Amino acid sequence: LFFSDNASSPSERIWKLVPPSTTPS
């Protein structure tokens, strides 16, 4: 799973989550 944080500072970024882990990176 990928998703954006479109309001993070200093720039927007993409996170990922690889199940069964519940800790995104």
PDB file of all heavy atoms in Angstrom:
ATOM      1  N   LEU A   1       0.853  -1.181   0.000  1.00  0.00           N
ATOM      2  CA  LEU A   1       0.000   0.000   0.000  1.00  0.00           C
ATOM      3  C   LEU A   1       0.893   1.236   0.000  1.00  0.00           C
ATOM      4  O   LEU A   1       1.844   1.329   0.775  1.00  0.00           O
ATOM      5  CB  LEU A   1      -0.894   0.017   1.242  1.00  0.00           C
ATOM      6  CG  LEU A   1      -1.778   1.256   1.383  1.00  0.00           C
ATOM      7  CD1 LEU A   1      -2.958   1.185   0.431  1.00  0.00           C
ATOM      8  CD2 LEU A   1      -2.246   1.433   2.819  1.00  0.00           C
ATOM      9  N   PHE A   2       0.564   2.189  -0.866  1.00  0.00           N
ATOM     10  CA  PHE A   2       1.255   3.472  -0.913  1.00  0.00           C
ATOM     11  C   PHE A   2       0.242   4.583  -0.645  1.00  0.00           C
ATOM     12  O   PHE A   2      -0.935   4.466  -0.993  1.00  0.00           O
ATOM     13  CB  PHE A   2       1.892   3.697  -2.287  1.00  0.00           C
ATOM     14  CG  PHE A   2       2.892   2.655  -2.682  1.00  0.00           C
ATOM     15  CD1 PHE A   2       2.505   1.534  -3.414  1.00  0.00           C
ATOM     16  CD2 PHE A   2       4.224   2.769  -2.320  1.00  0.00           C
ATOM     17  CE1 PHE A   2       3.423   0.551  -3.782  1.00  0.00           C
ATOM     18  CE2 PHE A   2       5.156   1.801  -2.675  1.00  0.00           C
ATOM     19  CZ  PHE A   2       4.753   0.689  -3.406  1.00  0.00           C
ATOM     20  N   PHE A   3       0.690   5.659  -0.028  1.00  0.00           N
ATOM     21  CA  PHE A   3      -0.171   6.825   0.151  1.00  0.00           C
ATOM     22  C   PHE A   3       0.707   8.056   0.342  1.00  0.00           C
ATOM     23  O   PHE A   3       1.871   7.962   0.741  1.00  0.00           O
ATOM     24  CB  PHE A   3      -1.140   6.652   1.324  1.00  0.00           C
ATOM     25  CG  PHE A   3      -0.496   6.312   2.639  1.00  0.00           C
ATOM     26  CD1 PHE A   3      -0.200   7.297   3.574  1.00  0.00           C
ATOM     27  CD2 PHE A   3      -0.197   4.987   2.972  1.00  0.00           C
ATOM     28  CE1 PHE A   3       0.383   6.979   4.801  1.00  0.00           C
ATOM     29  CE2 PHE A   3       0.381   4.658   4.190  1.00  0.00           C
ATOM     30  CZ  PHE A   3       0.675   5.658   5.113  1.00  0.00           C
ATOM     31  N   SER A   4       0.147   9.224   0.044  1.00  0.00           N
ATOM     32  CA  SER A   4       0.883  10.489   0.157  1.00  0.00           C
ATOM     33  C   SER A   4       0.551  11.194   1.456  1.00  0.00           C
ATOM     34  O   SER A   4      -0.569  11.079   1.969  1.00  0.00           O
ATOM     35  CB  SER A   4       0.521  11.428  -0.998  1.00  0.00           C
ATOM     36  OG  SER A   4       0.969  10.946  -2.234  1.00  0.00           O
ATOM     37  N   ASP A   5       1.514  11.948   1.971  1.00  0.00           N
ATOM     38  CA  ASP A   5       1.215  12.989   2.955  1.00  0.00           C
ATOM     39  C   ASP A   5       1.387  14.299   2.202  1.00  0.00           C
ATOM     40  O   ASP A   5       2.499  14.736   1.929  1.00  0.00           O
ATOM     41  CB  ASP A   5       2.168  12.920   4.144  1.00  0.00           C
ATOM     42  CG  ASP A   5       1.755  13.863   5.268  1.00  0.00           C
ATOM     43  OD1 ASP A   5       1.062  14.867   4.968  1.00  0.00           O
ATOM     44  OD2 ASP A   5       2.124  13.631   6.422  1.00  0.00           O
ATOM     45  N   ASN A   6       0.260  14.895   1.842  1.00  0.00           N
ATOM     46  CA  ASN A   6       0.320  16.059   0.952  1.00  0.00           C
ATOM     47  C   ASN A   6       0.490  17.376   1.683  1.00  0.00           C
ATOM     48  O   ASN A   6       0.440  18.446   1.062  1.00  0.00           O
ATOM     49  CB  ASN A   6      -0.911  16.111   0.037  1.00  0.00           C
ATOM     50  CG  ASN A   6      -2.193  16.421   0.776  1.00  0.00           C
ATOM     51  OD1 ASN A   6      -2.190  16.867   1.919  1.00  0.00           O
ATOM     52  ND2 ASN A   6      -3.326  16.179   0.120  1.00  0.00           N
ATOM     53  N   ALA A   7       0.697  17.327   3.001  1.00  0.00           N
ATOM     54  CA  ALA A   7       0.884  18.561   3.761  1.00  0.00           C
ATOM     55  C   ALA A   7       2.113  18.485   4.668  1.00  0.00           C
ATOM     56  O   ALA A   7       2.289  19.318   5.546  1.00  0.00           O
ATOM     57  CB  ALA A   7      -0.353  18.872   4.590  1.00  0.00           C
ATOM     58  N   SER A   8       2.950  17.473   4.456  1.00  0.00           N
ATOM     59  CA  SER A   8       4.145  17.346   5.292  1.00  0.00           C
ATOM     60  C   SER A   8       5.161  18.423   4.921  1.00  0.00           C
ATOM     61  O   SER A   8       5.134  18.977   3.825  1.00  0.00           O
ATOM     62  CB  SER A   8       4.762  15.959   5.151  1.00  0.00           C
ATOM     63  OG  SER A   8       5.048  15.674   3.789  1.00  0.00           O
ATOM     64  N   SER A   9       6.039  18.721   5.847  1.00  0.00           N
ATOM     65  CA  SER A   9       7.034  19.775   5.651  1.00  0.00           C
ATOM     66  C   SER A   9       8.435  19.179   5.774  1.00  0.00           C
ATOM     67  O   SER A   9       8.672  18.324   6.635  1.00  0.00           O
ATOM     68  CB  SER A   9       6.838  20.876   6.701  1.00  0.00           C
ATOM     69  OG  SER A   9       7.788  21.904   6.554  1.00  0.00           O
ATOM     70  N   PRO A  10       9.375  19.555   4.905  1.00  0.00           N
ATOM     71  CA  PRO A  10       9.316  20.670   3.953  1.00  0.00           C
ATOM     72  C   PRO A  10       8.737  20.298   2.592  1.00  0.00           C
ATOM     73  O   PRO A  10       8.572  21.143   1.729  1.00  0.00           O
ATOM     74  CB  PRO A  10      10.785  21.071   3.807  1.00  0.00           C
ATOM     75  CG  PRO A  10      11.514  19.767   3.953  1.00  0.00           C
ATOM     76  CD  PRO A  10      10.745  18.995   4.991  1.00  0.00           C
ATOM     77  N   SER A  11       8.444  19.015   2.359  1.00  0.00           N
ATOM     78  CA  SER A  11       7.884  18.604   1.079  1.00  0.00           C
ATOM     79  C   SER A  11       6.930  17.448   1.271  1.00  0.00           C
ATOM     80  O   SER A  11       7.054  16.665   2.223  1.00  0.00           O
ATOM     81  CB  SER A  11       9.005  18.187   0.116  1.00  0.00           C
ATOM     82  OG  SER A  11       8.472  17.719  -1.111  1.00  0.00           O
ATOM     83  N   GLU A  12       5.987  17.328   0.365  1.00  0.00           N
ATOM     84  CA  GLU A  12       5.098  16.178   0.355  1.00  0.00           C
ATOM     85  C   GLU A  12       5.927  14.895   0.185  1.00  0.00           C
ATOM     86  O   GLU A  12       7.001  14.910  -0.401  1.00  0.00           O
ATOM     87  CB  GLU A  12       4.098  16.291  -0.799  1.00  0.00           C
ATOM     88  CG  GLU A  12       3.218  17.523  -0.718  1.00  0.00           C
ATOM     89  CD  GLU A  12       3.854  18.760  -1.339  1.00  0.00           C
ATOM     90  OE1 GLU A  12       5.088  18.770  -1.584  1.00  0.00           O
ATOM     91  OE2 GLU A  12       3.126  19.734  -1.579  1.00  0.00           O
ATOM     92  N   ARG A  13       5.402  13.781   0.686  1.00  0.00           N
ATOM     93  CA  ARG A  13       6.146  12.533   0.590  1.00  0.00           C
ATOM     94  C   ARG A  13       5.208  11.357   0.410  1.00  0.00           C
ATOM     95  O   ARG A  13       4.006  11.455   0.686  1.00  0.00           O
ATOM     96  CB  ARG A  13       7.016  12.339   1.830  1.00  0.00           C
ATOM     97  CG  ARG A  13       6.290  12.526   3.153  1.00  0.00           C
ATOM     98  CD  ARG A  13       7.269  12.591   4.318  1.00  0.00           C
ATOM     99  NE  ARG A  13       6.587  12.872   5.575  1.00  0.00           N
ATOM    100  CZ  ARG A  13       7.175  12.822   6.766  1.00  0.00           C
ATOM    101  NH1 ARG A  13       8.452  12.497   6.857  1.00  0.00           N
ATOM    102  NH2 ARG A  13       6.505  13.079   7.857  1.00  0.00           N
ATOM    103  N   ILE A  14       5.765  10.241  -0.051  1.00  0.00           N
ATOM    104  CA  ILE A  14       5.010   9.009  -0.221  1.00  0.00           C
ATOM    105  C   ILE A  14       5.434   8.026   0.859  1.00  0.00           C
ATOM    106  O   ILE A  14       6.625   7.810   1.094  1.00  0.00           O
ATOM    107  CB  ILE A  14       5.243   8.382  -1.610  1.00  0.00           C
ATOM    108  CG1 ILE A  14       4.746   9.322  -2.716  1.00  0.00           C
ATOM    109  CG2 ILE A  14       4.523   7.029  -1.717  1.00  0.00           C
ATOM    110  CD1 ILE A  14       5.041   8.832  -4.123  1.00  0.00           C
ATOM    111  N   TRP A  15       4.428   7.441   1.532  1.00  0.00           N
ATOM    112  CA  TRP A  15       4.647   6.396   2.523  1.00  0.00           C
ATOM    113  C   TRP A  15       4.277   5.048   1.910  1.00  0.00           C
ATOM    114  O   TRP A  15       3.547   4.979   0.906  1.00  0.00           O
ATOM    115  CB  TRP A  15       3.764   6.632   3.740  1.00  0.00           C
ATOM    116  CG  TRP A  15       4.151   7.793   4.605  1.00  0.00           C
ATOM    117  CD1 TRP A  15       3.949   9.119   4.338  1.00  0.00           C
ATOM    118  CD2 TRP A  15       4.786   7.728   5.884  1.00  0.00           C
ATOM    119  NE1 TRP A  15       4.423   9.892   5.371  1.00  0.00           N
ATOM    120  CE2 TRP A  15       4.944   9.056   6.334  1.00  0.00           C
ATOM    121  CE3 TRP A  15       5.232   6.684   6.682  1.00  0.00           C
ATOM    122  CZ2 TRP A  15       5.524   9.364   7.563  1.00  0.00           C
ATOM    123  CZ3 TRP A  15       5.814   6.975   7.907  1.00  0.00           C
ATOM    124  CH2 TRP A  15       5.962   8.313   8.337  1.00  0.00           C
ATOM    125  N   LYS A  16       4.743   3.974   2.544  1.00  0.00           N
ATOM    126  CA  LYS A  16       4.326   2.639   2.133  1.00  0.00           C
ATOM    127  C   LYS A  16       4.030   1.784   3.361  1.00  0.00           C
ATOM    128  O   LYS A  16       4.556   2.022   4.455  1.00  0.00           O
ATOM    129  CB  LYS A  16       5.384   1.963   1.263  1.00  0.00           C
ATOM    130  CG  LYS A  16       6.632   1.521   2.001  1.00  0.00           C
ATOM    131  CD  LYS A  16       7.550   0.738   1.057  1.00  0.00           C
ATOM    132  CE  LYS A  16       8.770   0.186   1.797  1.00  0.00           C
ATOM    133  NZ  LYS A  16       9.629  -0.610   0.896  1.00  0.00           N
ATOM    134  N   LEU A  17       3.164   0.799   3.163  1.00  0.00           N
ATOM    135  CA  LEU A  17       2.831  -0.173   4.204  1.00  0.00           C
ATOM    136  C   LEU A  17       2.800  -1.542   3.550  1.00  0.00           C
ATOM    137  O   LEU A  17       2.097  -1.740   2.551  1.00  0.00           O
ATOM    138  CB  LEU A  17       1.472   0.145   4.826  1.00  0.00           C
ATOM    139  CG  LEU A  17       0.997  -0.827   5.904  1.00  0.00           C
ATOM    140  CD1 LEU A  17       1.811  -0.648   7.178  1.00  0.00           C
ATOM    141  CD2 LEU A  17      -0.492  -0.625   6.197  1.00  0.00           C
ATOM    142  N   VAL A  18       3.555  -2.482   4.107  1.00  0.00           N
ATOM    143  CA  VAL A  18       3.609  -3.835   3.563  1.00  0.00           C
ATOM    144  C   VAL A  18       2.968  -4.787   4.573  1.00  0.00           C
ATOM    145  O   VAL A  18       3.596  -5.155   5.566  1.00  0.00           O
ATOM    146  CB  VAL A  18       5.063  -4.266   3.283  1.00  0.00           C
ATOM    147  CG1 VAL A  18       5.077  -5.640   2.601  1.00  0.00           C
ATOM    148  CG2 VAL A  18       5.777  -3.240   2.402  1.00  0.00           C
ATOM    149  N   PRO A  19       1.693  -5.163   4.371  1.00  0.00           N
ATOM    150  CA  PRO A  19       1.050  -6.085   5.305  1.00  0.00           C
ATOM    151  C   PRO A  19       1.800  -7.415   5.363  1.00  0.00           C
ATOM    152  O   PRO A  19       2.436  -7.819   4.380  1.00  0.00           O
ATOM    153  CB  PRO A  19      -0.344  -6.266   4.694  1.00  0.00           C
ATOM    154  CG  PRO A  19      -0.533  -5.056   3.828  1.00  0.00           C
ATOM    155  CD  PRO A  19       0.821  -4.746   3.283  1.00  0.00           C
ATOM    156  N   PRO A  20       1.795  -8.120   6.508  1.00  0.00           N
ATOM    157  CA  PRO A  20       0.936  -7.876   7.676  1.00  0.00           C
ATOM    158  C   PRO A  20       1.461  -6.819   8.643  1.00  0.00           C
ATOM    159  O   PRO A  20       0.848  -6.605   9.683  1.00  0.00           O
ATOM    160  CB  PRO A  20       0.880  -9.242   8.347  1.00  0.00           C
ATOM    161  CG  PRO A  20       2.212  -9.840   8.036  1.00  0.00           C
ATOM    162  CD  PRO A  20       2.531  -9.407   6.634  1.00  0.00           C
ATOM    163  N   SER A  21       2.568  -6.178   8.307  1.00  0.00           N
ATOM    164  CA  SER A  21       3.069  -5.112   9.178  1.00  0.00           C
ATOM    165  C   SER A  21       2.024  -4.008   9.299  1.00  0.00           C
ATOM    166  O   SER A  21       1.304  -3.699   8.347  1.00  0.00           O
ATOM    167  CB  SER A  21       4.360  -4.526   8.607  1.00  0.00           C
ATOM    168  OG  SER A  21       4.751  -3.367   9.325  1.00  0.00           O
ATOM    169  N   THR A  22       1.942  -3.408  10.459  1.00  0.00           N
ATOM    170  CA  THR A  22       1.061  -2.268  10.682  1.00  0.00           C
ATOM    171  C   THR A  22       1.872  -0.999  10.946  1.00  0.00           C
ATOM    172  O   THR A  22       1.347  -0.027  11.476  1.00  0.00           O
ATOM    173  CB  THR A  22       0.110  -2.524  11.862  1.00  0.00           C
ATOM    174  OG1 THR A  22       0.886  -2.829  13.031  1.00  0.00           O
ATOM    175  CG2 THR A  22      -0.833  -3.672  11.561  1.00  0.00           C
ATOM    176  N   THR A  23       3.139  -1.027  10.561  1.00  0.00           N
ATOM    177  CA  THR A  23       4.007   0.133  10.740  1.00  0.00           C
ATOM    178  C   THR A  23       4.410   0.686   9.378  1.00  0.00           C
ATOM    179  O   THR A  23       5.214   0.067   8.665  1.00  0.00           O
ATOM    180  CB  THR A  23       5.273  -0.233  11.532  1.00  0.00           C
ATOM    181  OG1 THR A  23       4.902  -0.791  12.788  1.00  0.00           O
ATOM    182  CG2 THR A  23       6.138   1.006  11.766  1.00  0.00           C
ATOM    183  N   PRO A  24       3.868   1.831   8.964  1.00  0.00           N
ATOM    184  CA  PRO A  24       4.241   2.409   7.680  1.00  0.00           C
ATOM    185  C   PRO A  24       5.639   3.011   7.729  1.00  0.00           C
ATOM    186  O   PRO A  24       6.163   3.326   8.804  1.00  0.00           O
ATOM    187  CB  PRO A  24       3.176   3.490   7.454  1.00  0.00           C
ATOM    188  CG  PRO A  24       2.683   3.830   8.817  1.00  0.00           C
ATOM    189  CD  PRO A  24       2.841   2.614   9.664  1.00  0.00           C
ATOM    190  N   SER A  25       6.238   3.171   6.565  1.00  0.00           N
ATOM    191  CA  SER A  25       7.559   3.785   6.475  1.00  0.00           C
ATOM    192  C   SER A  25       7.595   4.752   5.297  1.00  0.00           C
ATOM    193  O   SER A  25       6.816   4.626   4.346  1.00  0.00           O
ATOM    194  CB  SER A  25       8.648   2.718   6.304  1.00  0.00           C
ATOM    195  OG  SER A  25       8.428   1.959   5.131  1.00  0.00           O
TER     196      SER A  25
END
